[in-house]
Amino acid sequence: MEKKNNHKSGFVSIIGNPNVGKSTFMNALLGSDISIVTSKAQTTRHRILGIVNGQNFQVIFSDTPGVIKPSYEMQNSMMNFVKEALKDADIIIYMVTPQDEELKDQKLLNRIKKTKSTLFVLINKIDKSTQELVEKKVNYWRSIFPTAKVYPISALNGFFITEVFDLIIKYIPNSPAYFPKDQITDKPERFFVNESIRKQILQRYKNEIPYSVEVITEEFKESPKIIKISSVILVERETQKGIIIGHKGNALKQVGISARKSLQNFFNKKIYLELHVKVSKNWRSNNQQLKKFGY
């Protein structure tokens, strides 16, 4: 164990509106796809820790759901994850794009303004903007958060990511490591199976379908050469079940093929994946069900 006075360790929470690139940013820092990334809003539903370890440091990043005004109970739980992430942060990263003005929750924005934690404002996706607009936004955010460190970045292209990470190391406190040094996340293996399947559903289905889906992995059996997985895709209505399965089961089959490939890359092992679809009426508004799913 390193001495406390020469080891740094801290919690960094990434907050922002949906689709500003929070998950892409964390994955870039970790060098691993811990958080799923799609073009749809509300892709991230949980608070996911990604841990970056070095000889003299440990940085614990929190990827959080995009800030929204909740419409049902599951979204309330998602926003509670965001509030929790603000509480224990040594550094808050408020991520925006050049098109963003403010958070969709004014109370949360006020909390960030009053924070005693070190605040970074990262203007992401500058590769899709003009230099003139980016400069204008840097000045705008400096006026909103006078004490913040404001930087333009591109998480997708890796622009200014290493520099931001070096600054984070500078500002986290001296502390022993909070987690074992070989740990890269707080989530169990089944969580990543669920997320990998859910990513395929987000990418392949339209309208309300992806948001009505939850995935539960009922079986995860690992042997030296193969991992056998059995997962259930939950939907809220019978009509949604039919859409997920598709004609002669073809749509579900395609989800399974793509998820299996993704999981083989993630676990670096052969995967056998079995998928089932079940109906659980109005699970997004059922507190008991939500608790069971980790919300």
Protein backbone atom coordinates (compact mmCIF):
# COMPACT_ATOMS: atom_id res chain seq x y z
CA MET A 1 0.00 0.00 0.00
CA GLU A 2 1.38 3.42 -1.01
CA LYS A 3 1.82 6.03 1.64
CA LYS A 4 -1.15 8.36 1.97
CA ASN A 5 0.89 11.50 1.34
CA ASN A 6 2.11 10.47 -2.11
CA HIS A 7 -1.02 8.74 -3.41
CA LYS A 8 -4.02 10.57 -4.86
CA SER A 9 -7.54 9.21 -5.04
CA GLY A 10 -10.87 10.87 -5.73
CA PHE A 11 -14.38 10.74 -7.15
CA VAL A 12 -15.21 12.56 -10.39
CA SER A 13 -18.89 12.85 -11.40
CA ILE A 14 -19.86 13.54 -15.01
CA ILE A 15 -23.16 15.46 -15.28
CA GLY A 16 -25.01 16.87 -18.29
CA ASN A 17 -28.04 16.81 -20.56
CA PRO A 18 -28.81 13.66 -22.58
CA ASN A 19 -26.53 12.94 -25.56
CA VAL A 20 -23.72 15.37 -24.73
CA GLY A 21 -21.13 12.54 -24.80
CA LYS A 22 -20.68 11.66 -21.09
CA SER A 23 -20.33 7.92 -21.74
CA THR A 24 -18.00 8.42 -24.73
CA PHE A 25 -15.80 10.64 -22.56
CA MET A 26 -15.59 8.10 -19.72
CA ASN A 27 -14.90 5.22 -22.10
CA ALA A 28 -12.11 7.29 -23.71
CA LEU A 29 -10.48 7.81 -20.31
CA LEU A 30 -10.81 4.14 -19.36
CA GLY A 31 -9.77 2.76 -22.73
CA SER A 32 -12.70 0.35 -22.37
CA ASP A 33 -16.41 0.46 -23.24
CA ILE A 34 -17.80 0.36 -19.71
CA SER A 35 -20.80 2.55 -20.61
CA ILE A 36 -22.92 1.79 -23.67
CA VAL A 37 -23.08 4.56 -26.25
CA THR A 38 -25.89 5.13 -28.77
CA SER A 39 -27.37 8.17 -30.51
CA LYS A 40 -30.58 7.89 -28.44
CA ALA A 41 -31.28 9.97 -25.34
CA GLN A 42 -31.49 8.15 -21.99
CA THR A 43 -29.04 5.45 -23.10
CA THR A 44 -27.43 5.55 -19.64
CA ARG A 45 -29.93 4.62 -16.91
CA HIS A 46 -27.67 3.91 -13.94
CA ARG A 47 -24.74 5.54 -12.23
CA ILE A 48 -21.76 3.56 -13.51
CA LEU A 49 -18.32 3.80 -11.93
CA GLY A 50 -15.26 3.58 -14.15
CA ILE A 51 -11.95 3.33 -12.28
CA VAL A 52 -8.62 4.50 -13.72
CA ASN A 53 -5.60 3.25 -11.79
CA GLY A 54 -1.97 4.35 -11.82
CA GLN A 55 0.95 3.72 -9.49
CA ASN A 56 0.28 6.89 -7.49
CA PHE A 57 -3.37 7.58 -8.24
CA GLN A 58 -6.87 6.17 -8.54
CA VAL A 59 -9.64 8.18 -10.23
CA ILE A 60 -13.21 6.95 -9.82
CA PHE A 61 -15.41 8.39 -12.58
CA SER A 62 -19.22 8.34 -12.33
CA ASP A 63 -21.08 8.22 -15.62
CA THR A 64 -24.64 9.38 -14.92
CA PRO A 65 -27.96 9.46 -16.79
CA GLY A 66 -28.64 12.58 -18.86
CA VAL A 67 -30.59 15.21 -16.91
CA ILE A 68 -34.31 15.22 -17.81
CA LYS A 69 -37.63 16.21 -16.27
CA PRO A 70 -38.97 12.83 -15.06
CA SER A 71 -42.24 11.50 -16.53
CA TYR A 72 -42.44 8.20 -14.64
CA GLU A 73 -40.93 6.45 -11.63
CA MET A 74 -37.90 4.96 -13.41
CA GLN A 75 -36.86 8.43 -14.58
CA ASN A 76 -37.17 9.70 -10.98
CA SER A 77 -34.70 6.97 -9.97
CA MET A 78 -32.38 7.96 -12.81
CA MET A 79 -32.34 11.57 -11.58
CA ASN A 80 -31.68 10.37 -8.03
CA PHE A 81 -28.49 8.72 -9.36
CA VAL A 82 -27.42 12.14 -10.67
CA LYS A 83 -28.09 13.84 -7.32
CA GLU A 84 -26.17 11.13 -5.46
CA ALA A 85 -23.22 11.58 -7.81
CA LEU A 86 -23.09 15.29 -6.95
CA LYS A 87 -22.94 14.60 -3.20
CA ASP A 88 -19.69 12.63 -3.02
CA ALA A 89 -17.76 14.24 -5.90
CA ASP A 90 -14.30 15.72 -5.38
CA ILE A 91 -14.57 17.02 -8.94
CA ILE A 92 -17.75 17.69 -10.94
CA ILE A 93 -17.49 17.60 -14.71
CA TYR A 94 -20.41 19.48 -16.22
CA MET A 95 -20.45 18.40 -19.86
CA VAL A 96 -22.15 20.43 -22.59
CA THR A 97 -22.06 20.72 -26.38
CA PRO A 98 -21.69 24.01 -28.28
CA GLN A 99 -25.47 23.94 -28.80
CA ASP A 100 -26.33 23.58 -25.08
CA GLU A 101 -27.51 26.48 -22.99
CA GLU A 102 -28.45 25.07 -19.57
CA LEU A 103 -29.39 21.88 -17.77
CA LYS A 104 -32.97 20.71 -18.12
CA ASP A 105 -33.31 20.89 -14.32
CA GLN A 106 -32.79 24.40 -12.93
CA LYS A 107 -32.51 23.18 -9.31
CA LEU A 108 -29.66 20.88 -10.30
CA LEU A 109 -27.93 23.71 -12.15
CA ASN A 110 -28.18 25.87 -9.01
CA ARG A 111 -26.67 23.04 -6.95
CA ILE A 112 -23.72 22.89 -9.34
CA LYS A 113 -23.30 26.68 -9.09
CA LYS A 114 -23.11 26.41 -5.29
CA THR A 115 -20.80 23.37 -5.20
CA LYS A 116 -17.61 23.47 -3.17
CA SER A 117 -16.14 20.70 -5.35
CA THR A 118 -13.70 21.57 -8.14
CA LEU A 119 -15.79 22.25 -11.25
CA PHE A 120 -14.82 21.53 -14.85
CA VAL A 121 -17.07 22.61 -17.73
CA LEU A 122 -16.18 20.55 -20.80
CA ILE A 123 -17.59 21.69 -24.15
CA ASN A 124 -17.73 18.42 -26.09
CA LYS A 125 -18.31 17.67 -29.80
CA ILE A 126 -16.31 20.70 -30.94
CA ASP A 127 -15.45 18.72 -34.09
CA LYS A 128 -19.08 19.36 -35.16
CA SER A 129 -18.93 23.10 -34.53
CA THR A 130 -17.18 26.27 -35.69
CA GLN A 131 -14.27 27.85 -33.86
CA GLU A 132 -16.25 31.07 -33.54
CA LEU A 133 -19.16 29.32 -31.74
CA VAL A 134 -16.78 27.36 -29.48
CA GLU A 135 -14.98 30.57 -28.40
CA LYS A 136 -18.33 32.24 -27.77
CA LYS A 137 -19.42 29.27 -25.59
CA VAL A 138 -16.16 29.24 -23.60
CA ASN A 139 -16.85 32.88 -22.64
CA TYR A 140 -20.53 32.12 -21.96
CA TRP A 141 -19.78 29.26 -19.53
CA ARG A 142 -17.06 31.29 -17.81
CA SER A 143 -19.70 33.93 -17.12
CA ILE A 144 -22.12 31.31 -15.72
CA PHE A 145 -19.44 29.53 -13.61
CA PRO A 146 -16.70 32.10 -12.85
CA THR A 147 -14.55 29.66 -10.84
CA ALA A 148 -14.85 26.71 -13.25
CA LYS A 149 -12.14 25.34 -15.50
CA VAL A 150 -13.69 25.57 -19.00
CA TYR A 151 -12.18 23.53 -21.86
CA PRO A 152 -13.31 22.58 -25.39
CA ILE A 153 -12.88 18.85 -26.10
CA SER A 154 -13.81 16.09 -28.53
CA ALA A 155 -14.31 12.82 -26.64
CA LEU A 156 -14.89 10.92 -29.89
CA ASN A 157 -11.67 12.17 -31.52
CA GLY A 158 -9.59 12.25 -28.32
CA PHE A 159 -8.96 16.01 -28.50
CA PHE A 160 -7.68 17.45 -25.16
CA ILE A 161 -8.69 14.26 -23.28
CA THR A 162 -5.19 13.44 -21.95
CA GLU A 163 -4.74 17.06 -20.87
CA VAL A 164 -8.06 17.03 -18.98
CA PHE A 165 -7.09 13.78 -17.26
CA ASP A 166 -3.74 15.28 -16.14
CA LEU A 167 -5.64 18.26 -14.68
CA ILE A 168 -8.02 15.90 -12.85
CA ILE A 169 -5.04 14.13 -11.24
CA LYS A 170 -3.76 17.55 -10.16
CA TYR A 171 -7.02 18.46 -8.39
CA ILE A 172 -8.03 15.18 -6.70
CA PRO A 173 -7.06 14.93 -3.02
CA ASN A 174 -4.25 12.95 -1.42
CA SER A 175 -5.78 9.68 -0.30
CA PRO A 176 -5.19 5.92 -0.37
CA ALA A 177 -7.05 3.96 -3.09
CA TYR A 178 -10.75 3.31 -2.43
CA PHE A 179 -10.90 0.17 -4.61
CA PRO A 180 -8.46 -2.67 -5.38
CA LYS A 181 -5.99 -1.51 -8.02
CA ASP A 182 -7.04 -4.17 -10.55
CA GLN A 183 -10.73 -3.15 -10.44
CA ILE A 184 -12.10 -1.06 -13.33
CA THR A 185 -15.79 -0.77 -12.35
CA ASP A 186 -18.24 -1.32 -9.51
CA LYS A 187 -20.70 -3.26 -11.68
CA PRO A 188 -20.96 -7.08 -11.82
CA GLU A 189 -20.52 -9.07 -15.05
CA ARG A 190 -24.29 -9.57 -15.50
CA PHE A 191 -24.77 -5.80 -15.65
CA PHE A 192 -22.59 -5.62 -18.77
CA VAL A 193 -24.49 -8.50 -20.36
CA ASN A 194 -27.76 -6.63 -19.76
CA GLU A 195 -26.34 -3.38 -21.13
CA SER A 196 -24.90 -5.05 -24.22
CA ILE A 197 -28.32 -6.52 -25.10
CA ARG A 198 -30.07 -3.23 -24.31
CA LYS A 199 -27.66 -1.38 -26.61
CA GLN A 200 -28.72 -3.60 -29.52
CA ILE A 201 -32.38 -2.87 -28.75
CA LEU A 202 -31.73 0.88 -28.60
CA GLN A 203 -30.04 0.74 -32.00
CA ARG A 204 -32.54 -1.55 -33.75
CA TYR A 205 -36.00 -0.49 -32.60
CA LYS A 206 -37.89 2.79 -32.94
CA ASN A 207 -40.28 4.97 -30.95
CA GLU A 208 -41.07 3.90 -27.39
CA ILE A 209 -39.84 0.28 -27.67
CA PRO A 210 -36.24 0.79 -26.39
CA TYR A 211 -37.47 2.83 -23.41
CA SER A 212 -40.01 0.17 -22.42
CA VAL A 213 -37.34 -2.52 -22.21
CA GLU A 214 -35.36 -3.87 -19.26
CA VAL A 215 -32.93 -6.80 -19.50
CA ILE A 216 -32.30 -9.33 -16.73
CA THR A 217 -29.61 -12.00 -16.91
CA GLU A 218 -30.88 -15.08 -15.11
CA GLU A 219 -27.92 -17.35 -15.81
CA PHE A 220 -24.20 -16.61 -16.17
CA LYS A 221 -22.08 -19.76 -16.11
CA GLU A 222 -18.41 -19.39 -16.88
CA SER A 223 -16.11 -22.30 -17.76
CA PRO A 224 -12.51 -22.12 -19.06
CA LYS A 225 -13.57 -21.96 -22.74
CA ILE A 226 -17.12 -20.55 -22.80
CA ILE A 227 -19.62 -18.41 -20.90
CA LYS A 228 -23.23 -19.62 -21.05
CA ILE A 229 -25.74 -16.80 -20.62
CA SER A 230 -29.53 -16.80 -20.41
CA SER A 231 -31.21 -13.38 -20.41
CA VAL A 232 -34.80 -12.11 -20.37
CA ILE A 233 -35.94 -9.00 -22.22
CA LEU A 234 -38.85 -7.45 -20.32
CA VAL A 235 -41.42 -5.27 -22.09
CA GLU A 236 -44.56 -3.53 -20.83
CA ARG A 237 -47.12 -4.79 -23.38
CA GLU A 238 -47.88 -7.84 -25.54
CA THR A 239 -47.66 -5.72 -28.71
CA GLN A 240 -44.10 -4.72 -27.76
CA LYS A 241 -43.20 -8.38 -27.25
CA GLY A 242 -44.30 -9.12 -30.82
CA ILE A 243 -42.20 -6.26 -32.20
CA ILE A 244 -39.09 -7.33 -30.26
CA ILE A 245 -39.40 -10.93 -31.50
CA GLY A 246 -40.28 -9.96 -35.08
CA HIS A 247 -41.47 -12.12 -37.97
CA LYS A 248 -40.49 -15.76 -37.32
CA GLY A 249 -38.22 -14.55 -34.51
CA ASN A 250 -35.82 -12.83 -36.92
CA ALA A 251 -35.59 -9.48 -35.08
CA LEU A 252 -34.72 -11.16 -31.76
CA LYS A 253 -32.22 -13.42 -33.52
CA GLN A 254 -30.37 -10.37 -34.90
CA VAL A 255 -30.25 -8.80 -31.42
CA GLY A 256 -28.75 -12.04 -30.09
CA ILE A 257 -26.12 -12.33 -32.84
CA SER A 258 -24.87 -8.75 -32.38
CA ALA A 259 -24.96 -8.87 -28.56
CA ARG A 260 -23.03 -12.15 -28.58
CA LYS A 261 -20.27 -10.64 -30.78
CA SER A 262 -20.04 -7.62 -28.51
CA LEU A 263 -19.87 -9.78 -25.37
CA GLN A 264 -17.17 -12.01 -26.88
CA ASN A 265 -15.04 -8.91 -27.37
CA PHE A 266 -15.81 -7.64 -23.87
CA PHE A 267 -15.10 -10.91 -22.01
CA ASN A 268 -12.53 -12.19 -24.52
CA LYS A 269 -14.18 -15.59 -24.46
CA LYS A 270 -16.67 -17.62 -26.52
CA ILE A 271 -20.29 -16.78 -25.60
CA TYR A 272 -23.44 -18.88 -25.77
CA LEU A 273 -26.41 -16.51 -25.45
CA GLU A 274 -30.05 -17.46 -25.01
CA LEU A 275 -32.72 -14.72 -25.14
CA HIS A 276 -36.36 -14.77 -24.03
CA VAL A 277 -39.00 -12.01 -24.09
CA LYS A 278 -41.56 -11.56 -21.29
CA VAL A 279 -44.25 -9.00 -20.47
CA SER A 280 -44.14 -7.15 -17.13
CA LYS A 281 -46.94 -4.57 -17.26
CA ASN A 282 -45.95 -0.99 -16.41
CA TRP A 283 -42.65 -2.06 -14.79
CA ARG A 284 -41.26 1.51 -15.23
CA SER A 285 -43.82 2.82 -12.70
CA ASN A 286 -43.66 -0.14 -10.31
CA ASN A 287 -41.43 0.66 -7.32
CA GLN A 288 -41.04 -2.98 -6.35
CA GLN A 289 -39.93 -3.96 -9.85
CA LEU A 290 -37.60 -0.95 -10.14
CA LYS A 291 -35.90 -1.86 -6.87
CA LYS A 292 -35.37 -5.38 -8.18
CA PHE A 293 -33.73 -3.95 -11.31
CA GLY A 294 -31.37 -1.76 -9.29
CA TYR A 295 -33.11 1.63 -9.66
